[in-house]
Structures are given as structure tokens and as C-alpha cells.
Amino acid sequence: MNSNQKAGPALRKPGRSASGPLGVFKERWSLMASVKFREKNLIEEFLEMGGGYVLNFSDRTFSDFFREFDVDINEATYMEGHSGSKANRMRSFLEREPDRLVGKVLQELVEYAETYRPGHQRVEDCRSIATRLQASLPVSIKPQSALNVQQGVTHKRITARPIEIFFSYAHEDEALMNEIRLQLVVRERLGEIVKWHDRMIPAGDEWRTLIDNRIEGAQVILLFMSPHFLASRYCYEIEGQIALRRHRDGTARVIPVVLRACDWTITPFGELQALPRDGKPITQWPDRDQASLDIARGIMECIL
């Protein structure tokens, strides 16, 4: 920050106190990073912070990395109340600094990690978080669509970003599900959503616990309707019933997505407004790309 810049809360130089030589004021708490609990867990997993480390940084290279952002990560403000390990200093940074700075640092960490450890399962999640933080824009409120009022259940507009979407599908339908998932990738890169499905479960993890946690925490649940879904005890009786409960409680938006012709309308899910809008299974569309795009746009119209 040069001497001609106007000091203000959003321009606070990291690692400086209000009484420092630049005389720049600390931000109000409302301008501190808005990284959510779930996002912190994703970041920590991606940065491999469990043992006190951050990626493959040494203490020297860790300090050098932050110096590029004019941050003294060894300053006392990042050391208070803990051991001072690289992971703990990173946690203090995530908690104390403004969204845009945290987003820029996270984006650079993602790109650095990809140079020596490409393809980590959380890389797209962390990119989305970094994009959201750097945007740091207010969320506009739109009129409710038909999907927001179903059978007397009114859902409030979702204002948190990114919005987590849970995919409930039978594995026999994975290829069709992926066609819709791909149409949503650009929305994820814009930081608007984060997608989750069971193929993202790491090897060796307890899959049932992870699935339960995700479906209970997601703001949007997609139910991919097909004969396979209806025949699956887990999809129909467990994930489907959790989704219906959360829909009736008004705690999640639940959208059936009709993949294949099946008698889903006589099930409890038939009370929900489905996509595509005319209920025509995507396997019956002459252009399946257009069908999946129509569904993706319908999802985003509903939740944004």
C-alpha cells in the first residue's frame, strides 16, 4: 500500500497493528474472513494440515510464500493462543484476515499444490472457496420460483455462498448424473455452488457417516429419479426419506431430476416439483446435452 492510498478497514495491511507506522486501522469483525466451518475442514484436508504442517512448506518457505502477499506470518498476531505451528498460523490467518486476501492466498496455494500434487479430490472445492472469497459480493434476492413453494412448504432464498448440493443417485445412473454434474461445473468455478456425491469419499473412510453428514448439511438435495433409484433401498428409504424430512422442515431445497421413465410420481417424492420442467426423462430428449443444460439452469434458477 503506497502513501497515496486511502487507509480504510478493507485495506488493512496484514500483520500490522493500528498503531503501526502506516497508521492503518484494523477491520471491523464484519470484514474478517467469512470462511465457514465446512469450508475450513475442506481447506485443512487439501492443505494437509492435520500434523501441524501446510503442504510441503518448511518454516522458511512458508514465510517466503506469505511475504509475497505482504504478510508476516511469523508476527505475534498469528501466534497467539497456540503452538505456532504452520497449520495453526494458517488457521489464525483464515480467521483474522479479510475475504479477498484469504481468497487470493488460497488460490495461490491451490495452484502451488497442483504443481507437485495434481488432482487432489478437494482441489475444485478449494478453488470454489477462493473464488467466492475474492468476489466478496452481496447476494441479490430474486422473486421465488415455482420450485421454491411446494405443497405448502415455503423455502427462504439461500443467501450463503457457496451453496452445497448433494447428489442422491443409483450407481447404475452415474453416467447420466455426470452429464448434469458437468453442466454445473462452471457455477462451481464461479464460487456459487459446491457439489458433493459419494464418489468423492476417500478410500478407507466410513462412507455411511460421511454420506449422512453431507445430506444433513446440504442446502440443496437432488434426487435422480429412475427405476434403479426407486429399487435401491438406500436411495429410496434412507437418502430419500432424509431429503423429504428436510424439505418438510424447510431446511433444504429438494429437487427430483427425472433421468429415466419410472413411476416416481406415485411415490412420496411426487409431491415435489421436478426437473426437467415438463417431467420428460432426459433419456427421451433428442438432444441430451440440451436436456442436462435445461436441468442445470432450472437448479440454479431455483436456488440463486
Protein backbone atom coordinates (compact mmCIF):
# COMPACT_ATOMS: atom_id res chain seq x y z
CA MET A 1 0.00 0.00 0.00
CA ASN A 2 1.61 3.32 -1.01
CA SER A 3 1.39 6.62 0.81
CA ASN A 4 -1.27 7.94 -1.57
CA GLN A 5 -3.75 5.17 -0.84
CA LYS A 6 -6.58 5.95 1.48
CA ALA A 7 -6.47 3.95 4.70
CA GLY A 8 -9.64 2.07 5.49
CA PRO A 9 -10.91 -1.16 7.01
CA ALA A 10 -10.88 -3.20 3.80
CA LEU A 11 -7.30 -2.11 3.01
CA ARG A 12 -5.70 -3.08 6.32
CA LYS A 13 -2.18 -4.30 5.73
CA PRO A 14 -1.97 -7.81 7.21
CA GLY A 15 0.27 -8.30 10.19
CA ARG A 16 0.24 -4.60 11.23
CA SER A 17 -1.39 -3.06 14.26
CA ALA A 18 -3.44 0.14 14.23
CA SER A 19 -0.55 1.93 15.90
CA GLY A 20 1.99 0.80 13.27
CA PRO A 21 3.95 3.19 11.04
CA LEU A 22 1.27 3.20 8.36
CA GLY A 23 -1.43 4.15 10.80
CA VAL A 24 -3.92 1.85 9.11
CA PHE A 25 -6.99 0.88 11.10
CA LYS A 26 -7.94 -2.68 11.87
CA GLU A 27 -11.07 -4.00 10.21
CA ARG A 28 -14.34 -4.47 11.99
CA TRP A 29 -15.19 -8.09 12.74
CA SER A 30 -17.76 -7.98 9.94
CA LEU A 31 -14.89 -7.69 7.44
CA MET A 32 -12.98 -10.68 8.74
CA ALA A 33 -12.91 -13.78 6.58
CA SER A 34 -16.27 -15.49 6.27
CA VAL A 35 -14.81 -18.99 5.89
CA LYS A 36 -17.43 -21.40 7.17
CA PHE A 37 -16.81 -24.45 9.35
CA ARG A 38 -17.35 -26.86 6.47
CA GLU A 39 -15.07 -24.82 4.22
CA LYS A 40 -12.34 -24.80 6.87
CA ASN A 41 -12.46 -28.58 7.01
CA LEU A 42 -12.12 -28.80 3.21
CA ILE A 43 -9.20 -26.36 3.23
CA GLU A 44 -7.43 -28.21 6.03
CA GLU A 45 -7.80 -31.51 4.21
CA PHE A 46 -6.48 -30.03 0.97
CA LEU A 47 -3.52 -28.31 2.69
CA GLU A 48 -2.72 -31.47 4.74
CA MET A 49 -2.78 -29.51 7.99
CA GLY A 50 -3.55 -32.44 10.31
CA GLY A 51 0.01 -32.87 11.64
CA GLY A 52 0.78 -29.20 12.10
CA TYR A 53 2.12 -28.77 8.58
CA VAL A 54 0.90 -26.93 5.47
CA LEU A 55 1.57 -28.78 2.21
CA ASN A 56 5.35 -29.34 1.86
CA PHE A 57 6.42 -25.94 3.20
CA SER A 58 9.36 -25.56 5.53
CA ASP A 59 9.24 -22.71 8.05
CA ARG A 60 11.40 -20.63 5.71
CA THR A 61 9.42 -21.28 2.52
CA PHE A 62 6.14 -20.79 4.42
CA SER A 63 7.30 -17.32 5.48
CA ASP A 64 8.56 -16.58 1.97
CA PHE A 65 5.23 -17.57 0.46
CA PHE A 66 3.24 -15.17 2.67
CA ARG A 67 5.78 -12.40 2.14
CA GLU A 68 4.60 -12.25 -1.48
CA PHE A 69 1.26 -11.01 -0.09
CA ASP A 70 2.99 -8.57 2.28
CA VAL A 71 2.03 -10.75 5.24
CA ASP A 72 4.41 -11.52 8.10
CA ILE A 73 3.03 -14.91 9.07
CA ASN A 74 5.50 -15.06 12.00
CA GLU A 75 4.02 -11.99 13.66
CA ALA A 76 2.59 -12.38 17.15
CA THR A 77 -1.00 -11.85 15.95
CA TYR A 78 -0.84 -15.22 14.15
CA MET A 79 0.90 -16.93 17.10
CA GLU A 80 -1.48 -16.12 19.93
CA GLY A 81 -3.05 -18.96 21.87
CA HIS A 82 -1.37 -21.93 20.20
CA SER A 83 1.93 -23.67 19.46
CA GLY A 84 2.84 -21.55 16.45
CA SER A 85 2.97 -24.47 14.04
CA LYS A 86 2.50 -23.70 10.37
CA ALA A 87 -1.01 -25.19 10.48
CA ASN A 88 -2.02 -23.07 13.49
CA ARG A 89 -0.64 -19.91 11.93
CA MET A 90 -2.61 -20.74 8.79
CA ARG A 91 -5.77 -21.16 10.90
CA SER A 92 -5.18 -17.76 12.54
CA PHE A 93 -4.73 -16.20 9.12
CA LEU A 94 -8.00 -17.72 7.86
CA GLU A 95 -9.84 -16.39 10.92
CA ARG A 96 -8.36 -12.89 11.07
CA GLU A 97 -7.89 -11.61 7.55
CA PRO A 98 -10.46 -10.21 5.07
CA ASP A 99 -12.16 -12.37 2.47
CA ARG A 100 -10.33 -11.05 -0.57
CA LEU A 101 -6.86 -11.54 0.89
CA VAL A 102 -7.71 -15.03 2.16
CA GLY A 103 -9.16 -15.87 -1.26
CA LYS A 104 -6.01 -14.72 -3.07
CA VAL A 105 -3.74 -16.68 -0.73
CA LEU A 106 -5.90 -19.81 -1.00
CA GLN A 107 -5.96 -19.56 -4.80
CA GLU A 108 -2.17 -19.36 -4.93
CA LEU A 109 -1.87 -22.30 -2.51
CA VAL A 110 -4.14 -24.34 -4.78
CA GLU A 111 -2.05 -23.54 -7.85
CA TYR A 112 1.17 -24.28 -5.97
CA ALA A 113 -0.12 -27.64 -4.71
CA GLU A 114 -1.17 -28.60 -8.22
CA THR A 115 2.44 -28.21 -9.42
CA TYR A 116 3.68 -31.16 -7.35
CA ARG A 117 0.50 -32.95 -6.22
CA PRO A 118 -2.04 -32.65 -9.03
CA GLY A 119 -5.60 -33.93 -8.94
CA HIS A 120 -6.35 -33.81 -5.20
CA GLN A 121 -10.01 -34.64 -4.56
CA ARG A 122 -10.59 -31.28 -2.81
CA VAL A 123 -8.91 -29.07 -5.40
CA GLU A 124 -12.15 -27.90 -7.06
CA ASP A 125 -13.78 -27.32 -3.66
CA CYS A 126 -10.89 -25.06 -2.62
CA ARG A 127 -10.89 -23.24 -5.95
CA SER A 128 -14.58 -22.50 -5.47
CA ILE A 129 -13.99 -21.21 -1.94
CA ALA A 130 -11.14 -18.99 -3.18
CA THR A 131 -13.34 -17.60 -5.96
CA ARG A 132 -16.19 -16.85 -3.55
CA LEU A 133 -13.91 -15.09 -1.09
CA GLN A 134 -12.28 -12.94 -3.76
CA ALA A 135 -15.65 -11.95 -5.19
CA SER A 136 -16.94 -10.97 -1.75
CA LEU A 137 -20.12 -9.51 -3.25
CA PRO A 138 -23.57 -9.10 -1.71
CA VAL A 139 -26.15 -11.66 -2.81
CA SER A 140 -29.19 -10.29 -4.60
CA ILE A 141 -32.66 -11.51 -3.70
CA LYS A 142 -34.88 -12.70 -6.53
CA PRO A 143 -38.59 -13.47 -6.56
CA GLN A 144 -39.47 -17.02 -5.61
CA SER A 145 -39.81 -19.50 -8.45
CA ALA A 146 -42.39 -22.27 -8.60
CA LEU A 147 -39.78 -24.66 -7.22
CA ASN A 148 -39.50 -22.60 -4.03
CA VAL A 149 -43.11 -23.21 -2.96
CA GLN A 150 -44.12 -26.87 -2.96
CA GLN A 151 -47.15 -28.36 -1.26
CA GLY A 152 -47.42 -25.50 1.22
CA VAL A 153 -43.72 -25.59 2.18
CA THR A 154 -42.11 -22.20 1.65
CA HIS A 155 -38.33 -22.04 1.42
CA LYS A 156 -36.34 -18.92 2.14
CA ARG A 157 -33.93 -17.79 -0.54
CA ILE A 158 -30.48 -19.27 0.10
CA THR A 159 -28.02 -16.44 0.71
CA ALA A 160 -24.92 -18.35 1.90
CA ARG A 161 -22.24 -19.00 -0.70
CA PRO A 162 -21.17 -21.43 -1.95
CA ILE A 163 -24.39 -23.45 -1.83
CA GLU A 164 -23.74 -27.14 -1.17
CA ILE A 165 -25.64 -29.52 -3.45
CA PHE A 166 -25.97 -33.21 -2.53
CA PHE A 167 -26.42 -35.71 -5.37
CA SER A 168 -28.53 -38.77 -4.49
CA TYR A 169 -28.44 -41.32 -7.30
CA ALA A 170 -28.22 -45.03 -8.05
CA HIS A 171 -24.81 -46.07 -9.31
CA GLU A 172 -26.39 -47.57 -12.43
CA ASP A 173 -27.30 -43.98 -13.38
CA GLU A 174 -23.87 -42.49 -12.77
CA ALA A 175 -23.22 -41.66 -16.43
CA LEU A 176 -26.49 -39.69 -16.69
CA MET A 177 -25.85 -37.97 -13.38
CA ASN A 178 -22.41 -36.92 -14.62
CA GLU A 179 -23.91 -35.22 -17.66
CA ILE A 180 -25.85 -32.89 -15.35
CA ARG A 181 -22.92 -32.51 -12.95
CA LEU A 182 -20.72 -31.29 -15.81
CA GLN A 183 -23.26 -28.59 -16.72
CA LEU A 184 -22.85 -27.23 -13.17
CA VAL A 185 -19.03 -27.12 -13.14
CA VAL A 186 -18.89 -23.52 -14.34
CA ARG A 187 -21.19 -22.47 -11.49
CA GLU A 188 -18.81 -24.15 -9.07
CA ARG A 189 -15.85 -22.32 -10.56
CA LEU A 190 -17.73 -19.06 -10.06
CA GLY A 191 -17.99 -19.89 -6.36
CA GLU A 192 -21.78 -20.17 -6.38
CA ILE A 193 -22.07 -23.87 -5.52
CA VAL A 194 -20.16 -26.87 -4.21
CA LYS A 195 -21.27 -30.29 -5.42
CA TRP A 196 -21.00 -33.50 -3.40
CA HIS A 197 -21.65 -37.13 -4.27
CA ASP A 198 -20.46 -40.45 -2.89
CA ARG A 199 -17.68 -40.92 -5.46
CA MET A 200 -15.86 -38.16 -3.56
CA ILE A 201 -15.47 -40.34 -0.44
CA PRO A 202 -11.75 -41.08 0.17
CA ALA A 203 -10.69 -44.73 0.24
CA GLY A 204 -10.83 -46.13 3.77
CA ASP A 205 -13.29 -43.55 5.13
CA GLU A 206 -16.54 -44.59 6.77
CA TRP A 207 -18.92 -43.96 3.88
CA ARG A 208 -22.20 -44.09 5.78
CA THR A 209 -21.14 -41.42 8.27
CA LEU A 210 -19.82 -39.15 5.52
CA ILE A 211 -23.00 -39.50 3.46
CA ASP A 212 -25.23 -38.84 6.47
CA ASN A 213 -23.23 -35.74 7.40
CA ARG A 214 -23.35 -34.36 3.87
CA ILE A 215 -27.05 -34.92 3.23
CA GLU A 216 -27.92 -33.42 6.62
CA GLY A 217 -25.78 -30.34 5.93
CA ALA A 218 -26.51 -29.67 2.25
CA GLN A 219 -28.75 -26.75 1.34
CA VAL A 220 -29.94 -28.47 -1.85
CA ILE A 221 -30.60 -32.17 -2.43
CA LEU A 222 -31.02 -33.58 -5.94
CA LEU A 223 -32.86 -36.92 -6.22
CA PHE A 224 -32.09 -38.57 -9.55
CA MET A 225 -35.27 -40.47 -10.40
CA SER A 226 -35.05 -43.76 -12.31
CA PRO A 227 -36.16 -47.38 -11.89
CA HIS A 228 -32.75 -48.02 -10.29
CA PHE A 229 -33.26 -45.21 -7.74
CA LEU A 230 -36.72 -46.48 -6.80
CA ALA A 231 -35.41 -50.04 -6.50
CA SER A 232 -32.47 -49.03 -4.32
CA ARG A 233 -33.27 -49.43 -0.65
CA TYR A 234 -30.55 -46.97 0.34
CA CYS A 235 -31.57 -44.29 -2.17
CA TYR A 236 -35.32 -44.63 -1.61
CA GLU A 237 -35.65 -45.46 2.08
CA ILE A 238 -32.67 -43.68 3.60
CA GLU A 239 -31.43 -40.77 1.50
CA GLY A 240 -34.90 -40.14 0.07
CA GLN A 241 -36.57 -40.05 3.47
CA ILE A 242 -33.93 -37.72 4.92
CA ALA A 243 -34.47 -35.43 1.93
CA LEU A 244 -38.26 -35.42 2.41
CA ARG A 245 -37.90 -34.68 6.12
CA ARG A 246 -35.59 -31.76 5.46
CA HIS A 247 -37.92 -30.50 2.72
CA ARG A 248 -40.93 -30.56 5.08
CA ASP A 249 -38.88 -28.87 7.81
CA GLY A 250 -37.91 -26.15 5.34
CA THR A 251 -34.19 -26.75 5.93
CA ALA A 252 -33.27 -27.92 2.41
CA ARG A 253 -34.43 -27.47 -1.15
CA VAL A 254 -35.19 -30.91 -2.63
CA ILE A 255 -35.47 -31.34 -6.41
CA PRO A 256 -36.24 -34.61 -8.20
CA VAL A 257 -34.38 -34.89 -11.51
CA VAL A 258 -36.04 -37.35 -13.87
CA LEU A 259 -33.39 -39.41 -15.63
CA ARG A 260 -35.38 -42.38 -16.92
CA ALA A 261 -39.07 -43.21 -17.29
CA CYS A 262 -40.40 -44.56 -13.99
CA ASP A 263 -43.48 -44.29 -11.79
CA TRP A 264 -41.91 -41.81 -9.37
CA THR A 265 -44.99 -39.54 -9.22
CA ILE A 266 -46.95 -42.08 -7.12
CA THR A 267 -44.18 -42.15 -4.51
CA PRO A 268 -43.78 -39.59 -1.70
CA PHE A 269 -41.37 -37.74 -4.00
CA GLY A 270 -44.30 -37.00 -6.32
CA GLU A 271 -45.25 -34.02 -4.13
CA LEU A 272 -42.10 -32.22 -5.28
CA GLN A 273 -41.68 -30.10 -8.39
CA ALA A 274 -39.26 -31.91 -10.70
CA LEU A 275 -36.82 -31.08 -13.45
CA PRO A 276 -36.87 -31.00 -16.44
CA ARG A 277 -39.90 -28.78 -16.05
CA ASP A 278 -42.25 -30.93 -18.10
CA GLY A 279 -41.09 -34.07 -16.28
CA LYS A 280 -39.83 -35.61 -19.51
CA PRO A 281 -36.96 -38.03 -18.69
CA ILE A 282 -33.68 -36.88 -20.17
CA THR A 283 -33.25 -40.23 -21.94
CA GLN A 284 -36.26 -39.25 -24.08
CA TRP A 285 -34.82 -35.90 -25.22
CA PRO A 286 -33.44 -35.81 -28.77
CA ASP A 287 -30.51 -33.70 -27.52
CA ARG A 288 -29.25 -34.94 -24.17
CA ASP A 289 -26.83 -32.01 -23.79
CA GLN A 290 -29.76 -29.61 -24.05
CA ALA A 291 -31.71 -31.69 -21.53
CA SER A 292 -28.89 -31.61 -18.98
CA LEU A 293 -28.36 -27.88 -19.54
CA ASP A 294 -32.08 -27.26 -19.03
CA ILE A 295 -31.88 -29.12 -15.73
CA ALA A 296 -28.75 -27.26 -14.59
CA ARG A 297 -30.36 -23.91 -15.38
CA GLY A 298 -33.51 -24.95 -13.55
CA ILE A 299 -31.48 -25.86 -10.47
CA MET A 300 -29.68 -22.52 -10.46
CA GLU A 301 -32.90 -20.57 -11.07
CA CYS A 302 -34.36 -22.26 -8.04
CA ILE A 303 -31.51 -21.64 -5.63
CA LEU A 304 -29.98 -18.30 -6.67
